[in-house]
Amino acid sequence: DSELQERAVAFAWGSTKVRGVNIGGWLVLEPFITPSIFSKNSVTDEVHDEWTLCQKLGKTGCFNTLKPHWDSFVTLADFQKIKNAGFNIVRIPIGYWAYLDAGGPYTTGAAPYMDKAIAWARQTGLKVVIDLHGVPRSQNGFDHSGHKLATPGWLTFDSEAQTHATLKIIEQKYAIPSMQDVVIAIELVNEPFLSKLDPNRVKQFYRDGYGNLRKISDTPVMLHDGFWDPAWLNTVLTPSDNNAQGVIMDHHE
């Protein structure tokens, strides 16, 4: 019994105040956070996301450009500063291409840095939310989804299955009970642009994603409201919906 308690998620969602920092621009590039990576590889404006950067440089060239960034942009010292400033959570965005090859130009190589980040969090007493920030065909068309597009293509073709496959890899590694002292939620997808997607498909994706994670553990599931009033999710994955437990809403202003 005591062992079960030791392996519970080590954060009281709903009663402990969340004071979090988003580690943006590290494992998924964001032009406004690291403009120099883009400006030095682009004379005009043709390189504007991780997809076009890797398209231009090739997988090896892209890896050689990103590795020094991954190695230096965030360190243990940053996690210590975050902790010392009074924060308790770091949210770490990562793209599907760190775990799954869905045929794009991306280079892999970011995955080991998630391991580093979790070790640093454990060392400094911070908790981690893992955020799947970019999914195949893009859930919002934003540059920080990895692939800037006029219309998001997520949930078409095999992108939904690929997203679930990515989450399975992440969850089998990080949603296991021995990680619950530090990993306190998995966000199934960041900022799906609901107005350009089918909301019913997104709801079903959330239900399926929740069910898949529950096969592994009771690690909380984080759902993004898709820029709509969160009320659209009122009946989704609440206790009245198949007794869902451990579900957190993410709302971005």
C-alpha atoms as a PDB file:
ATOM      1  CA  ASP A   1       0.000   0.000   0.000  1.00  0.00           C
ATOM      2  CA  SER A   2       2.771   2.443   0.926  1.00  0.00           C
ATOM      3  CA  GLU A   3       4.516   1.574  -2.318  1.00  0.00           C
ATOM      4  CA  LEU A   4       1.399   2.569  -4.245  1.00  0.00           C
ATOM      5  CA  GLN A   5       1.379   5.913  -2.491  1.00  0.00           C
ATOM      6  CA  GLU A   6       5.045   6.460  -3.293  1.00  0.00           C
ATOM      7  CA  ARG A   7       4.271   5.921  -6.964  1.00  0.00           C
ATOM      8  CA  ALA A   8       1.371   8.371  -7.113  1.00  0.00           C
ATOM      9  CA  VAL A   9       1.640  11.528  -9.185  1.00  0.00           C
ATOM     10  CA  ALA A  10       3.629  13.918  -7.025  1.00  0.00           C
ATOM     11  CA  PHE A  11       1.531  17.027  -7.573  1.00  0.00           C
ATOM     12  CA  ALA A  12      -1.867  17.987  -6.188  1.00  0.00           C
ATOM     13  CA  TRP A  13      -3.598  19.316  -9.309  1.00  0.00           C
ATOM     14  CA  GLY A  14      -6.595  21.394  -8.271  1.00  0.00           C
ATOM     15  CA  SER A  15      -5.214  22.439  -4.902  1.00  0.00           C
ATOM     16  CA  THR A  16      -1.550  23.338  -5.433  1.00  0.00           C
ATOM     17  CA  LYS A  17      -1.133  26.562  -7.382  1.00  0.00           C
ATOM     18  CA  VAL A  18       0.506  26.034 -10.750  1.00  0.00           C
ATOM     19  CA  ARG A  19       3.473  28.353 -11.243  1.00  0.00           C
ATOM     20  CA  GLY A  20       4.933  27.268 -14.516  1.00  0.00           C
ATOM     21  CA  VAL A  21       7.481  28.155 -17.151  1.00  0.00           C
ATOM     22  CA  ASN A  22       7.207  27.063 -20.760  1.00  0.00           C
ATOM     23  CA  ILE A  23      10.547  25.898 -22.190  1.00  0.00           C
ATOM     24  CA  GLY A  24       9.704  27.175 -25.673  1.00  0.00           C
ATOM     25  CA  GLY A  25      12.078  27.338 -28.627  1.00  0.00           C
ATOM     26  CA  TRP A  26      14.308  24.507 -27.418  1.00  0.00           C
ATOM     27  CA  LEU A  27      13.196  21.089 -28.691  1.00  0.00           C
ATOM     28  CA  VAL A  28      10.759  22.648 -31.184  1.00  0.00           C
ATOM     29  CA  LEU A  29      12.081  25.760 -32.913  1.00  0.00           C
ATOM     30  CA  GLU A  30      10.123  29.010 -32.722  1.00  0.00           C
ATOM     31  CA  PRO A  31      11.377  31.816 -35.002  1.00  0.00           C
ATOM     32  CA  PHE A  32      10.513  34.602 -32.553  1.00  0.00           C
ATOM     33  CA  ILE A  33      12.505  32.877 -29.783  1.00  0.00           C
ATOM     34  CA  THR A  34      15.629  31.963 -31.795  1.00  0.00           C
ATOM     35  CA  PRO A  35      15.549  34.252 -34.857  1.00  0.00           C
ATOM     36  CA  SER A  36      19.293  33.827 -35.494  1.00  0.00           C
ATOM     37  CA  ILE A  37      18.938  30.142 -36.444  1.00  0.00           C
ATOM     38  CA  PHE A  38      16.544  31.245 -39.178  1.00  0.00           C
ATOM     39  CA  SER A  39      18.244  34.445 -40.347  1.00  0.00           C
ATOM     40  CA  LYS A  40      21.625  32.817 -40.889  1.00  0.00           C
ATOM     41  CA  ASN A  41      20.095  29.983 -42.916  1.00  0.00           C
ATOM     42  CA  SER A  42      17.707  32.087 -44.955  1.00  0.00           C
ATOM     43  CA  VAL A  43      18.485  35.018 -47.241  1.00  0.00           C
ATOM     44  CA  THR A  44      14.832  35.570 -48.023  1.00  0.00           C
ATOM     45  CA  ASP A  45      11.912  34.296 -46.007  1.00  0.00           C
ATOM     46  CA  GLU A  46      11.852  30.720 -47.268  1.00  0.00           C
ATOM     47  CA  VAL A  47      12.998  29.199 -43.965  1.00  0.00           C
ATOM     48  CA  HIS A  48      10.325  29.875 -41.368  1.00  0.00           C
ATOM     49  CA  ASP A  49       9.900  26.665 -39.358  1.00  0.00           C
ATOM     50  CA  GLU A  50      11.727  23.457 -38.494  1.00  0.00           C
ATOM     51  CA  TRP A  51      10.305  21.726 -41.604  1.00  0.00           C
ATOM     52  CA  THR A  52      11.715  24.280 -44.076  1.00  0.00           C
ATOM     53  CA  LEU A  53      14.997  24.561 -42.146  1.00  0.00           C
ATOM     54  CA  CYS A  54      15.571  20.811 -42.450  1.00  0.00           C
ATOM     55  CA  GLN A  55      14.306  20.852 -46.037  1.00  0.00           C
ATOM     56  CA  LYS A  56      16.962  23.417 -46.907  1.00  0.00           C
ATOM     57  CA  LEU A  57      19.865  21.959 -44.909  1.00  0.00           C
ATOM     58  CA  GLY A  58      19.085  18.252 -45.306  1.00  0.00           C
ATOM     59  CA  LYS A  59      18.748  15.908 -42.335  1.00  0.00           C
ATOM     60  CA  THR A  60      22.461  15.849 -41.475  1.00  0.00           C
ATOM     61  CA  GLY A  61      22.909  19.591 -41.947  1.00  0.00           C
ATOM     62  CA  CYS A  62      19.801  20.222 -39.895  1.00  0.00           C
ATOM     63  CA  PHE A  63      21.063  17.975 -37.097  1.00  0.00           C
ATOM     64  CA  ASN A  64      24.445  19.750 -37.134  1.00  0.00           C
ATOM     65  CA  THR A  65      22.658  23.107 -36.837  1.00  0.00           C
ATOM     66  CA  LEU A  66      20.263  22.006 -34.108  1.00  0.00           C
ATOM     67  CA  LYS A  67      22.634  20.001 -31.907  1.00  0.00           C
ATOM     68  CA  PRO A  68      24.622  23.039 -30.644  1.00  0.00           C
ATOM     69  CA  HIS A  69      21.272  24.748 -29.972  1.00  0.00           C
ATOM     70  CA  TRP A  70      19.892  21.743 -28.069  1.00  0.00           C
ATOM     71  CA  ASP A  71      23.145  21.504 -26.103  1.00  0.00           C
ATOM     72  CA  SER A  72      23.278  25.136 -25.019  1.00  0.00           C
ATOM     73  CA  PHE A  73      19.841  26.790 -25.111  1.00  0.00           C
ATOM     74  CA  VAL A  74      18.648  25.244 -21.829  1.00  0.00           C
ATOM     75  CA  THR A  75      20.839  23.788 -19.085  1.00  0.00           C
ATOM     76  CA  LEU A  76      20.650  22.554 -15.509  1.00  0.00           C
ATOM     77  CA  ALA A  77      21.537  26.102 -14.413  1.00  0.00           C
ATOM     78  CA  ASP A  78      18.335  27.390 -16.047  1.00  0.00           C
ATOM     79  CA  PHE A  79      16.245  24.831 -14.177  1.00  0.00           C
ATOM     80  CA  GLN A  80      17.921  25.907 -10.948  1.00  0.00           C
ATOM     81  CA  LYS A  81      17.097  29.566 -11.717  1.00  0.00           C
ATOM     82  CA  ILE A  82      13.482  28.628 -12.458  1.00  0.00           C
ATOM     83  CA  LYS A  83      13.221  26.791  -9.137  1.00  0.00           C
ATOM     84  CA  ASN A  84      14.943  29.594  -7.232  1.00  0.00           C
ATOM     85  CA  ALA A  85      12.511  32.127  -8.712  1.00  0.00           C
ATOM     86  CA  GLY A  86       9.640  30.277  -7.046  1.00  0.00           C
ATOM     87  CA  PHE A  87       8.245  28.248  -9.930  1.00  0.00           C
ATOM     88  CA  ASN A  88       7.160  24.634  -9.523  1.00  0.00           C
ATOM     89  CA  ILE A  89       6.481  23.314 -13.055  1.00  0.00           C
ATOM     90  CA  VAL A  90       8.181  23.353 -16.444  1.00  0.00           C
ATOM     91  CA  ARG A  91       6.165  22.580 -19.567  1.00  0.00           C
ATOM     92  CA  ILE A  92       8.401  21.105 -22.246  1.00  0.00           C
ATOM     93  CA  PRO A  93       7.230  21.222 -25.871  1.00  0.00           C
ATOM     94  CA  ILE A  94       8.501  18.530 -28.245  1.00  0.00           C
ATOM     95  CA  GLY A  95       7.595  17.553 -31.801  1.00  0.00           C
ATOM     96  CA  TYR A  96       6.425  14.165 -33.019  1.00  0.00           C
ATOM     97  CA  TRP A  97       9.507  13.926 -35.266  1.00  0.00           C
ATOM     98  CA  ALA A  98      11.714  13.422 -32.206  1.00  0.00           C
ATOM     99  CA  TYR A  99      10.040  10.017 -31.846  1.00  0.00           C
ATOM    100  CA  LEU A 100       8.433   9.047 -35.154  1.00  0.00           C
ATOM    101  CA  ASP A 101       9.465   9.269 -38.807  1.00  0.00           C
ATOM    102  CA  ALA A 102       6.336  10.203 -40.742  1.00  0.00           C
ATOM    103  CA  GLY A 103       8.258  10.894 -43.931  1.00  0.00           C
ATOM    104  CA  GLY A 104       9.038  14.622 -43.615  1.00  0.00           C
ATOM    105  CA  PRO A 105      12.430  16.367 -43.886  1.00  0.00           C
ATOM    106  CA  TYR A 106      12.920  16.613 -40.114  1.00  0.00           C
ATOM    107  CA  THR A 107      16.008  15.391 -38.346  1.00  0.00           C
ATOM    108  CA  THR A 108      15.607  13.314 -35.208  1.00  0.00           C
ATOM    109  CA  GLY A 109      17.812  13.906 -32.202  1.00  0.00           C
ATOM    110  CA  ALA A 110      15.747  15.940 -29.736  1.00  0.00           C
ATOM    111  CA  ALA A 111      14.482  12.958 -27.714  1.00  0.00           C
ATOM    112  CA  PRO A 112      17.549  12.500 -25.438  1.00  0.00           C
ATOM    113  CA  TYR A 113      17.171  16.114 -24.306  1.00  0.00           C
ATOM    114  CA  MET A 114      13.766  15.326 -22.822  1.00  0.00           C
ATOM    115  CA  ASP A 115      15.589  12.756 -20.673  1.00  0.00           C
ATOM    116  CA  LYS A 116      18.089  15.433 -19.646  1.00  0.00           C
ATOM    117  CA  ALA A 117      15.303  17.877 -18.805  1.00  0.00           C
ATOM    118  CA  ILE A 118      13.515  15.334 -16.640  1.00  0.00           C
ATOM    119  CA  ALA A 119      16.762  14.545 -14.806  1.00  0.00           C
ATOM    120  CA  TRP A 120      17.347  18.271 -14.221  1.00  0.00           C
ATOM    121  CA  ALA A 121      13.785  18.710 -12.968  1.00  0.00           C
ATOM    122  CA  ARG A 122      14.190  15.812 -10.573  1.00  0.00           C
ATOM    123  CA  GLN A 123      17.493  17.258  -9.360  1.00  0.00           C
ATOM    124  CA  THR A 124      16.056  20.742  -8.787  1.00  0.00           C
ATOM    125  CA  GLY A 125      12.651  19.724  -7.418  1.00  0.00           C
ATOM    126  CA  LEU A 126      10.596  20.881 -10.414  1.00  0.00           C
ATOM    127  CA  LYS A 127       7.704  18.980 -11.999  1.00  0.00           C
ATOM    128  CA  VAL A 128       7.333  18.397 -15.750  1.00  0.00           C
ATOM    129  CA  VAL A 129       4.422  18.596 -18.175  1.00  0.00           C
ATOM    130  CA  ILE A 130       5.342  16.980 -21.507  1.00  0.00           C
ATOM    131  CA  ASP A 131       3.624  18.826 -24.341  1.00  0.00           C
ATOM    132  CA  LEU A 132       3.265  17.267 -27.801  1.00  0.00           C
ATOM    133  CA  HIS A 133       3.723  20.580 -29.584  1.00  0.00           C
ATOM    134  CA  GLY A 134       3.797  19.445 -33.199  1.00  0.00           C
ATOM    135  CA  VAL A 135       1.859  16.567 -34.767  1.00  0.00           C
ATOM    136  CA  PRO A 136       1.876  15.171 -38.326  1.00  0.00           C
ATOM    137  CA  ARG A 137       0.387  17.565 -40.932  1.00  0.00           C
ATOM    138  CA  SER A 138       0.161  20.289 -38.227  1.00  0.00           C
ATOM    139  CA  GLN A 139      -2.740  20.824 -35.846  1.00  0.00           C
ATOM    140  CA  ASN A 140      -2.788  24.605 -36.298  1.00  0.00           C
ATOM    141  CA  GLY A 141      -0.562  25.659 -39.213  1.00  0.00           C
ATOM    142  CA  PHE A 142       1.619  27.737 -36.850  1.00  0.00           C
ATOM    143  CA  ASP A 143       5.397  27.787 -37.353  1.00  0.00           C
ATOM    144  CA  HIS A 144       5.916  26.368 -33.857  1.00  0.00           C
ATOM    145  CA  SER A 145       3.965  23.232 -34.793  1.00  0.00           C
ATOM    146  CA  GLY A 146       7.035  22.476 -36.911  1.00  0.00           C
ATOM    147  CA  HIS A 147       5.255  23.068 -40.211  1.00  0.00           C
ATOM    148  CA  LYS A 148       3.652  26.400 -41.113  1.00  0.00           C
ATOM    149  CA  LEU A 149       0.583  25.831 -43.308  1.00  0.00           C
ATOM    150  CA  ALA A 150      -2.421  27.899 -44.405  1.00  0.00           C
ATOM    151  CA  THR A 151      -4.727  25.076 -43.343  1.00  0.00           C
ATOM    152  CA  PRO A 152      -3.829  22.487 -40.713  1.00  0.00           C
ATOM    153  CA  GLY A 153      -3.904  18.969 -42.156  1.00  0.00           C
ATOM    154  CA  TRP A 154      -4.002  17.079 -38.861  1.00  0.00           C
ATOM    155  CA  LEU A 155      -6.610  14.294 -38.552  1.00  0.00           C
ATOM    156  CA  THR A 156      -6.468  13.686 -42.318  1.00  0.00           C
ATOM    157  CA  PHE A 157      -4.864  10.614 -43.912  1.00  0.00           C
ATOM    158  CA  ASP A 158      -2.821   8.686 -41.338  1.00  0.00           C
ATOM    159  CA  SER A 159      -1.884  11.682 -39.175  1.00  0.00           C
ATOM    160  CA  GLU A 160      -4.238  10.717 -36.346  1.00  0.00           C
ATOM    161  CA  ALA A 161      -2.805   7.192 -36.072  1.00  0.00           C
ATOM    162  CA  GLN A 162       0.718   8.639 -36.252  1.00  0.00           C
ATOM    163  CA  THR A 163      -0.108  11.041 -33.413  1.00  0.00           C
ATOM    164  CA  HIS A 164      -1.379   8.198 -31.228  1.00  0.00           C
ATOM    165  CA  ALA A 165       1.746   6.185 -32.110  1.00  0.00           C
ATOM    166  CA  THR A 166       3.927   9.122 -31.016  1.00  0.00           C
ATOM    167  CA  LEU A 167       2.017   9.520 -27.755  1.00  0.00           C
ATOM    168  CA  LYS A 168       2.382   5.803 -27.071  1.00  0.00           C
ATOM    169  CA  ILE A 169       6.178   6.077 -27.358  1.00  0.00           C
ATOM    170  CA  ILE A 170       6.196   9.118 -25.045  1.00  0.00           C
ATOM    171  CA  GLU A 171       3.815   7.546 -22.527  1.00  0.00           C
ATOM    172  CA  GLN A 172       5.538   4.167 -22.362  1.00  0.00           C
ATOM    173  CA  LYS A 173       8.661   6.061 -21.405  1.00  0.00           C
ATOM    174  CA  TYR A 174       7.358   8.924 -19.264  1.00  0.00           C
ATOM    175  CA  ALA A 175       3.857   8.074 -18.008  1.00  0.00           C
ATOM    176  CA  ILE A 176       5.012   4.966 -16.162  1.00  0.00           C
ATOM    177  CA  PRO A 177       4.635   4.972 -12.353  1.00  0.00           C
ATOM    178  CA  SER A 178       8.390   5.318 -11.740  1.00  0.00           C
ATOM    179  CA  MET A 179       8.281   8.695 -13.542  1.00  0.00           C
ATOM    180  CA  GLN A 180       5.321  10.073 -11.577  1.00  0.00           C
ATOM    181  CA  ASP A 181       7.564  11.776  -9.035  1.00  0.00           C
ATOM    182  CA  VAL A 182       8.461  14.291 -11.753  1.00  0.00           C
ATOM    183  CA  VAL A 183       6.235  13.904 -14.867  1.00  0.00           C
ATOM    184  CA  ILE A 184       2.833  15.125 -13.707  1.00  0.00           C
ATOM    185  CA  ALA A 185       0.925  15.402 -17.007  1.00  0.00           C
ATOM    186  CA  ILE A 186       1.076  14.582 -20.711  1.00  0.00           C
ATOM    187  CA  GLU A 187      -0.531  17.141 -23.028  1.00  0.00           C
ATOM    188  CA  LEU A 188      -1.980  15.204 -25.973  1.00  0.00           C
ATOM    189  CA  VAL A 189      -1.616  18.072 -28.457  1.00  0.00           C
ATOM    190  CA  ASN A 190      -0.780  21.771 -28.159  1.00  0.00           C
ATOM    191  CA  GLU A 191      -3.162  24.389 -29.550  1.00  0.00           C
ATOM    192  CA  PRO A 192      -5.284  22.482 -32.066  1.00  0.00           C
ATOM    193  CA  PHE A 193      -6.869  25.238 -34.181  1.00  0.00           C
ATOM    194  CA  LEU A 194     -10.442  24.185 -33.564  1.00  0.00           C
ATOM    195  CA  SER A 195     -12.011  26.609 -36.028  1.00  0.00           C
ATOM    196  CA  LYS A 196     -10.059  24.908 -38.830  1.00  0.00           C
ATOM    197  CA  LEU A 197     -10.568  21.325 -37.617  1.00  0.00           C
ATOM    198  CA  ASP A 198     -13.587  19.105 -36.958  1.00  0.00           C
ATOM    199  CA  PRO A 199     -14.328  19.593 -33.226  1.00  0.00           C
ATOM    200  CA  ASN A 200     -16.019  16.198 -32.994  1.00  0.00           C
ATOM    201  CA  ARG A 201     -12.899  14.523 -34.361  1.00  0.00           C
ATOM    202  CA  VAL A 202     -10.796  16.425 -31.821  1.00  0.00           C
ATOM    203  CA  LYS A 203     -13.123  15.274 -29.017  1.00  0.00           C
ATOM    204  CA  GLN A 204     -12.785  11.689 -30.191  1.00  0.00           C
ATOM    205  CA  PHE A 205      -9.013  12.078 -30.410  1.00  0.00           C
ATOM    206  CA  TYR A 206      -9.014  13.316 -26.794  1.00  0.00           C
ATOM    207  CA  ARG A 207     -11.146  10.383 -25.632  1.00  0.00           C
ATOM    208  CA  ASP A 208      -8.959   7.877 -27.471  1.00  0.00           C
ATOM    209  CA  GLY A 209      -5.781   9.536 -26.209  1.00  0.00           C
ATOM    210  CA  TYR A 210      -7.081   9.465 -22.640  1.00  0.00           C
ATOM    211  CA  GLY A 211      -8.012   5.782 -22.960  1.00  0.00           C
ATOM    212  CA  ASN A 212      -4.596   4.915 -24.354  1.00  0.00           C
ATOM    213  CA  LEU A 213      -2.760   6.674 -21.537  1.00  0.00           C
ATOM    214  CA  ARG A 214      -4.964   4.988 -18.935  1.00  0.00           C
ATOM    215  CA  LYS A 215      -3.760   1.602 -20.211  1.00  0.00           C
ATOM    216  CA  ILE A 216      -0.336   2.666 -18.919  1.00  0.00           C
ATOM    217  CA  SER A 217      -1.020   4.629 -15.715  1.00  0.00           C
ATOM    218  CA  ASP A 218      -3.093   7.270 -13.962  1.00  0.00           C
ATOM    219  CA  THR A 219      -0.719  10.089 -14.990  1.00  0.00           C
ATOM    220  CA  PRO A 220      -2.928  13.126 -15.704  1.00  0.00           C
ATOM    221  CA  VAL A 221      -3.931  13.989 -19.252  1.00  0.00           C
ATOM    222  CA  MET A 222      -3.842  17.635 -20.340  1.00  0.00           C
ATOM    223  CA  LEU A 223      -6.277  18.854 -23.004  1.00  0.00           C
ATOM    224  CA  HIS A 224      -5.965  22.154 -24.837  1.00  0.00           C
ATOM    225  CA  ASP A 225      -9.222  24.051 -25.373  1.00  0.00           C
ATOM    226  CA  GLY A 226      -8.345  24.848 -28.991  1.00  0.00           C
ATOM    227  CA  PHE A 227      -8.919  28.610 -28.497  1.00  0.00           C
ATOM    228  CA  TRP A 228     -12.640  28.083 -27.909  1.00  0.00           C
ATOM    229  CA  ASP A 229     -14.508  28.721 -24.685  1.00  0.00           C
ATOM    230  CA  PRO A 230     -13.537  25.664 -22.626  1.00  0.00           C
ATOM    231  CA  ALA A 231     -17.271  24.969 -22.166  1.00  0.00           C
ATOM    232  CA  TRP A 232     -17.237  23.015 -25.452  1.00  0.00           C
ATOM    233  CA  LEU A 233     -15.419  20.300 -23.502  1.00  0.00           C
ATOM    234  CA  ASN A 234     -17.820  20.345 -20.538  1.00  0.00           C
ATOM    235  CA  THR A 235     -19.021  16.777 -21.058  1.00  0.00           C
ATOM    236  CA  VAL A 236     -15.726  15.383 -22.348  1.00  0.00           C
ATOM    237  CA  LEU A 237     -13.594  13.249 -20.031  1.00  0.00           C
ATOM    238  CA  THR A 238     -15.335  14.438 -16.885  1.00  0.00           C
ATOM    239  CA  PRO A 239     -16.265  11.877 -14.200  1.00  0.00           C
ATOM    240  CA  SER A 240     -19.689  11.570 -15.899  1.00  0.00           C
ATOM    241  CA  ASP A 241     -17.921  10.510 -19.126  1.00  0.00           C
ATOM    242  CA  ASN A 242     -16.898   6.910 -18.394  1.00  0.00           C
ATOM    243  CA  ASN A 243     -15.665   8.046 -14.978  1.00  0.00           C
ATOM    244  CA  ALA A 244     -12.679   9.903 -16.404  1.00  0.00           C
ATOM    245  CA  GLN A 245     -10.241  11.089 -13.723  1.00  0.00           C
ATOM    246  CA  GLY A 246      -7.071  13.156 -13.817  1.00  0.00           C
ATOM    247  CA  VAL A 247      -7.895  15.453 -16.731  1.00  0.00           C
ATOM    248  CA  ILE A 248      -6.583  19.023 -16.876  1.00  0.00           C
ATOM    249  CA  MET A 249      -7.603  21.885 -19.164  1.00  0.00           C
ATOM    250  CA  ASP A 250      -4.969  24.059 -20.831  1.00  0.00           C
ATOM    251  CA  HIS A 251      -6.142  27.530 -21.812  1.00  0.00           C
ATOM    252  CA  HIS A 252      -3.872  29.965 -23.678  1.00  0.00           C
ATOM    253  CA  GLU A 253      -4.608  33.678 -23.722  1.00  0.00           C
END
